[in-house]
Protein backbone atom coordinates (compact mmCIF):
# COMPACT_ATOMS: atom_id res chain seq x y z
CA UNK A 1 0.00 0.00 0.00
CA UNK A 2 1.25 3.49 -0.84
CA UNK A 3 2.43 5.61 2.07
CA UNK A 4 3.57 9.22 2.15
CA UNK A 5 6.95 10.00 3.58
CA UNK A 6 7.32 12.34 6.53
CA UNK A 7 8.62 15.13 4.30
CA UNK A 8 5.43 15.02 2.25
CA UNK A 9 3.03 14.59 5.16
CA UNK A 10 3.66 17.95 6.86
CA UNK A 11 2.86 20.17 3.84
CA UNK A 12 -0.18 18.02 3.07
CA UNK A 13 -1.49 18.41 6.61
CA UNK A 14 -0.79 22.15 6.50
CA UNK A 15 -2.69 22.49 3.23
CA UNK A 16 -5.59 20.43 4.60
CA UNK A 17 -5.70 22.59 7.73
CA UNK A 18 -5.67 25.77 5.66
CA UNK A 19 -8.52 24.47 3.51
CA UNK A 20 -10.53 23.49 6.59
CA UNK A 21 -9.97 26.96 8.06
CA UNK A 22 -11.07 28.52 4.78
CA UNK A 23 -14.24 26.44 4.66
CA UNK A 24 -14.97 27.34 8.28
CA UNK A 25 -14.54 31.06 7.56
CA UNK A 26 -16.78 30.87 4.48
CA UNK A 27 -19.40 28.95 6.44
CA UNK A 28 -19.37 31.44 9.30
CA UNK A 29 -19.65 34.37 6.85
CA UNK A 30 -22.55 32.66 5.06
CA UNK A 31 -24.42 32.12 8.33
CA UNK A 32 -23.83 35.75 9.32
CA UNK A 33 -25.14 37.08 6.01
CA UNK A 34 -28.13 34.71 6.13
CA UNK A 35 -28.94 35.88 9.66
CA UNK A 36 -28.78 39.53 8.65
CA UNK A 37 -30.99 38.81 5.63
CA UNK A 38 -33.54 37.06 7.86
CA UNK A 39 -33.57 39.99 10.29
CA UNK A 40 -34.00 42.51 7.49
CA UNK A 41 -36.80 40.46 5.92
CA UNK A 42 -38.53 40.18 9.28
CA UNK A 43 -38.32 43.92 9.86
CA UNK A 44 -39.69 44.72 6.40
CA UNK A 45 -42.57 42.28 6.80
CA UNK A 46 -43.35 43.64 10.26
CA UNK A 47 -43.50 47.19 8.86
CA UNK A 48 -45.79 46.06 6.06
CA UNK A 49 -48.13 44.32 8.48
CA UNK A 50 -48.11 47.31 10.83
CA UNK A 51 -48.89 49.71 8.00
CA UNK A 52 -51.51 47.41 6.51
CA UNK A 53 -53.72 47.20 9.59
């Protein structure tokens, strides 16, 4: 079975960690933007309902 040498393992792990950090940052940013969009939508709908009555 193929095995990576120690010299190749460290950069591979570093790259994998950097990718995981990038995905985490993108995920957190996406959740933040989605939350702000939900709040804005809620506020707009609340204004429409308040003005409609």
